[in-house]
Amino acid sequence: MGQKKKSEIICRCNNVSRETIEKAIREGSDTMNKIFDCTTAGVGPCGGSCRRKLQPFLDHYLETGSFPDKVPELKK
């Protein structure tokens, strides 16, 4: 109890989890292109709609050294 769910899917097209994206960022994927190359997140058949989640997520990590508790929601 009290643990955050880290395995939520960020990129539905390619079934890429938050955990996979966090690992890639911690291991040096410090740009969107590096995240795409390492995880395939953001390059699915939808045209990359999850990129709007990924950029603020990456920016938060680069600014603070930690990941936000909640992945930003897509705005419609």
N, C-alpha and C. Protein backbone atom coordinates (compact mmCIF):
# COMPACT_ATOMS: atom_id res chain seq x y z
N MET A 1 0.84 -1.18 0.00
CA MET A 1 0.00 0.00 0.00
C MET A 1 0.88 1.24 0.00
N GLY A 2 0.45 2.29 -0.70
CA GLY A 2 1.21 3.51 -0.73
C GLY A 2 2.16 3.60 -1.91
N GLN A 3 2.35 2.49 -2.63
CA GLN A 3 3.23 2.54 -3.79
C GLN A 3 2.48 3.11 -4.98
N LYS A 4 3.20 3.88 -5.78
CA LYS A 4 2.61 4.43 -6.99
C LYS A 4 2.67 3.38 -8.10
N LYS A 5 1.65 3.37 -8.92
CA LYS A 5 1.64 2.45 -10.04
C LYS A 5 2.57 2.99 -11.12
N LYS A 6 3.67 2.29 -11.36
CA LYS A 6 4.67 2.76 -12.31
C LYS A 6 4.53 2.08 -13.67
N SER A 7 3.72 1.05 -13.76
CA SER A 7 3.66 0.29 -15.00
C SER A 7 2.54 0.77 -15.92
N GLU A 8 1.99 1.95 -15.66
CA GLU A 8 0.94 2.45 -16.54
C GLU A 8 1.49 2.62 -17.95
N ILE A 9 0.65 2.41 -18.94
CA ILE A 9 1.06 2.52 -20.33
C ILE A 9 1.00 3.98 -20.76
N ILE A 10 2.12 4.49 -21.26
CA ILE A 10 2.19 5.86 -21.75
C ILE A 10 1.91 5.88 -23.25
N CYS A 11 2.56 5.00 -23.98
CA CYS A 11 2.38 4.90 -25.43
C CYS A 11 1.54 3.66 -25.72
N ARG A 12 0.27 3.88 -25.99
CA ARG A 12 -0.64 2.76 -26.21
C ARG A 12 -0.38 2.03 -27.52
N CYS A 13 0.00 2.77 -28.55
CA CYS A 13 0.24 2.14 -29.85
C CYS A 13 1.33 1.06 -29.78
N ASN A 14 2.40 1.38 -29.08
CA ASN A 14 3.54 0.46 -28.99
C ASN A 14 3.64 -0.21 -27.62
N ASN A 15 2.62 -0.02 -26.77
CA ASN A 15 2.56 -0.66 -25.46
C ASN A 15 3.81 -0.39 -24.62
N VAL A 16 4.20 0.89 -24.53
CA VAL A 16 5.39 1.28 -23.77
C VAL A 16 4.95 1.83 -22.41
N SER A 17 5.49 1.25 -21.36
CA SER A 17 5.09 1.62 -20.00
C SER A 17 5.88 2.80 -19.47
N ARG A 18 5.33 3.39 -18.44
CA ARG A 18 6.03 4.48 -17.73
C ARG A 18 7.36 3.97 -17.21
N GLU A 19 7.39 2.77 -16.69
CA GLU A 19 8.61 2.19 -16.15
C GLU A 19 9.71 2.13 -17.22
N THR A 20 9.35 1.72 -18.43
CA THR A 20 10.31 1.64 -19.54
C THR A 20 10.84 3.02 -19.90
N ILE A 21 9.96 4.01 -19.93
CA ILE A 21 10.36 5.37 -20.27
C ILE A 21 11.25 5.95 -19.18
N GLU A 22 10.90 5.74 -17.93
CA GLU A 22 11.73 6.23 -16.83
C GLU A 22 13.13 5.63 -16.90
N LYS A 23 13.20 4.34 -17.17
CA LYS A 23 14.50 3.65 -17.26
C LYS A 23 15.34 4.27 -18.39
N ALA A 24 14.72 4.50 -19.54
CA ALA A 24 15.44 5.08 -20.67
C ALA A 24 15.97 6.47 -20.32
N ILE A 25 15.16 7.27 -19.66
CA ILE A 25 15.58 8.62 -19.28
C ILE A 25 16.72 8.56 -18.27
N ARG A 26 16.58 7.71 -17.27
CA ARG A 26 17.66 7.56 -16.27
C ARG A 26 18.97 7.10 -16.90
N GLU A 27 18.87 6.32 -17.99
CA GLU A 27 20.06 5.79 -18.64
C GLU A 27 20.59 6.71 -19.74
N GLY A 28 20.06 7.95 -19.83
CA GLY A 28 20.65 8.92 -20.72
C GLY A 28 19.80 9.44 -21.87
N SER A 29 18.59 8.97 -22.00
CA SER A 29 17.71 9.50 -23.05
C SER A 29 17.20 10.86 -22.59
N ASP A 30 17.94 11.91 -22.96
CA ASP A 30 17.63 13.25 -22.46
C ASP A 30 16.99 14.14 -23.52
N THR A 31 16.57 13.54 -24.63
CA THR A 31 15.81 14.27 -25.65
C THR A 31 14.65 13.38 -26.10
N MET A 32 13.68 13.99 -26.72
CA MET A 32 12.54 13.22 -27.22
C MET A 32 13.01 12.18 -28.24
N ASN A 33 13.91 12.56 -29.15
CA ASN A 33 14.38 11.61 -30.16
C ASN A 33 15.07 10.41 -29.54
N LYS A 34 15.83 10.62 -28.48
CA LYS A 34 16.49 9.50 -27.81
C LYS A 34 15.46 8.59 -27.15
N ILE A 35 14.41 9.18 -26.59
CA ILE A 35 13.33 8.36 -26.01
C ILE A 35 12.66 7.54 -27.11
N PHE A 36 12.38 8.17 -28.24
CA PHE A 36 11.75 7.45 -29.35
C PHE A 36 12.63 6.28 -29.79
N ASP A 37 13.93 6.56 -29.97
CA ASP A 37 14.85 5.54 -30.46
C ASP A 37 15.00 4.38 -29.47
N CYS A 38 15.03 4.70 -28.21
CA CYS A 38 15.28 3.68 -27.18
C CYS A 38 14.03 2.86 -26.84
N THR A 39 12.86 3.49 -26.90
CA THR A 39 11.65 2.81 -26.41
C THR A 39 10.57 2.59 -27.45
N THR A 40 10.61 3.25 -28.57
CA THR A 40 9.57 3.31 -29.61
C THR A 40 8.35 4.11 -29.17
N ALA A 41 8.37 4.69 -28.00
CA ALA A 41 7.25 5.53 -27.56
C ALA A 41 7.20 6.78 -28.41
N GLY A 42 6.01 7.15 -28.84
CA GLY A 42 5.83 8.39 -29.58
C GLY A 42 5.95 8.26 -31.08
N VAL A 43 6.14 7.06 -31.56
CA VAL A 43 6.28 6.87 -33.01
C VAL A 43 5.31 5.81 -33.53
N GLY A 44 4.15 5.71 -32.92
CA GLY A 44 3.17 4.72 -33.33
C GLY A 44 2.28 5.20 -34.45
N PRO A 45 1.36 4.34 -34.86
CA PRO A 45 0.45 4.67 -35.96
C PRO A 45 -0.47 5.85 -35.67
N CYS A 46 -0.61 6.25 -34.43
CA CYS A 46 -1.48 7.39 -34.10
C CYS A 46 -0.81 8.71 -34.46
N GLY A 47 0.47 8.66 -34.78
CA GLY A 47 1.18 9.89 -35.10
C GLY A 47 1.89 10.49 -33.91
N GLY A 48 1.94 9.76 -32.82
CA GLY A 48 2.68 10.24 -31.65
C GLY A 48 1.89 11.09 -30.68
N SER A 49 0.63 10.76 -30.46
CA SER A 49 -0.18 11.58 -29.55
C SER A 49 0.38 11.59 -28.13
N CYS A 50 1.13 10.57 -27.73
CA CYS A 50 1.68 10.54 -26.37
C CYS A 50 2.85 11.50 -26.20
N ARG A 51 3.34 12.08 -27.28
CA ARG A 51 4.44 13.04 -27.17
C ARG A 51 4.05 14.20 -26.27
N ARG A 52 2.76 14.53 -26.25
CA ARG A 52 2.30 15.63 -25.38
C ARG A 52 2.40 15.25 -23.91
N LYS A 53 2.49 13.97 -23.62
CA LYS A 53 2.74 13.52 -22.25
C LYS A 53 4.24 13.41 -22.00
N LEU A 54 4.95 12.93 -23.00
CA LEU A 54 6.37 12.66 -22.82
C LEU A 54 7.21 13.91 -22.59
N GLN A 55 6.94 14.97 -23.34
CA GLN A 55 7.78 16.18 -23.23
C GLN A 55 7.72 16.79 -21.83
N PRO A 56 6.52 17.02 -21.25
CA PRO A 56 6.51 17.58 -19.89
C PRO A 56 7.12 16.61 -18.86
N PHE A 57 6.95 15.31 -19.09
CA PHE A 57 7.52 14.30 -18.21
C PHE A 57 9.05 14.38 -18.24
N LEU A 58 9.62 14.46 -19.45
CA LEU A 58 11.06 14.59 -19.61
C LEU A 58 11.54 15.91 -19.03
N ASP A 59 10.85 17.00 -19.34
CA ASP A 59 11.25 18.32 -18.83
C ASP A 59 11.30 18.33 -17.30
N HIS A 60 10.31 17.72 -16.67
CA HIS A 60 10.27 17.67 -15.20
C HIS A 60 11.51 16.95 -14.67
N TYR A 61 11.85 15.84 -15.29
CA TYR A 61 13.02 15.09 -14.84
C TYR A 61 14.30 15.90 -15.04
N LEU A 62 14.44 16.53 -16.20
CA LEU A 62 15.66 17.31 -16.48
C LEU A 62 15.80 18.50 -15.53
N GLU A 63 14.68 19.08 -15.11
CA GLU A 63 14.71 20.23 -14.20
C GLU A 63 14.91 19.85 -12.75
N THR A 64 14.34 18.71 -12.34
CA THR A 64 14.33 18.37 -10.92
C THR A 64 15.14 17.12 -10.55
N GLY A 65 15.44 16.28 -11.54
CA GLY A 65 16.14 15.03 -11.24
C GLY A 65 15.22 13.95 -10.73
N SER A 66 13.91 14.21 -10.78
CA SER A 66 12.95 13.19 -10.36
C SER A 66 11.75 13.21 -11.32
N PHE A 67 10.99 12.15 -11.27
CA PHE A 67 9.82 12.05 -12.12
C PHE A 67 8.59 12.56 -11.38
N PRO A 68 7.65 13.18 -12.10
CA PRO A 68 6.42 13.64 -11.44
C PRO A 68 5.61 12.43 -10.96
N ASP A 69 4.84 12.63 -9.91
CA ASP A 69 4.00 11.55 -9.39
C ASP A 69 2.99 11.10 -10.43
N LYS A 70 2.50 12.07 -11.19
CA LYS A 70 1.47 11.78 -12.17
C LYS A 70 1.93 12.23 -13.54
N VAL A 71 1.73 11.37 -14.52
CA VAL A 71 2.04 11.73 -15.90
C VAL A 71 0.99 12.72 -16.37
N PRO A 72 1.39 13.82 -17.00
CA PRO A 72 0.42 14.80 -17.47
C PRO A 72 -0.64 14.16 -18.36
N GLU A 73 -1.86 14.59 -18.18
CA GLU A 73 -2.98 14.08 -18.99
C GLU A 73 -2.99 14.79 -20.32
N LEU A 74 -3.45 14.08 -21.32
CA LEU A 74 -3.62 14.68 -22.64
C LEU A 74 -4.78 15.66 -22.60
N LYS A 75 -4.58 16.80 -23.19
CA LYS A 75 -5.66 17.78 -23.27
C LYS A 75 -6.34 17.63 -24.62
N LYS A 76 -7.64 17.56 -24.60
CA LYS A 76 -8.38 17.36 -25.85
C LYS A 76 -8.76 18.66 -26.47
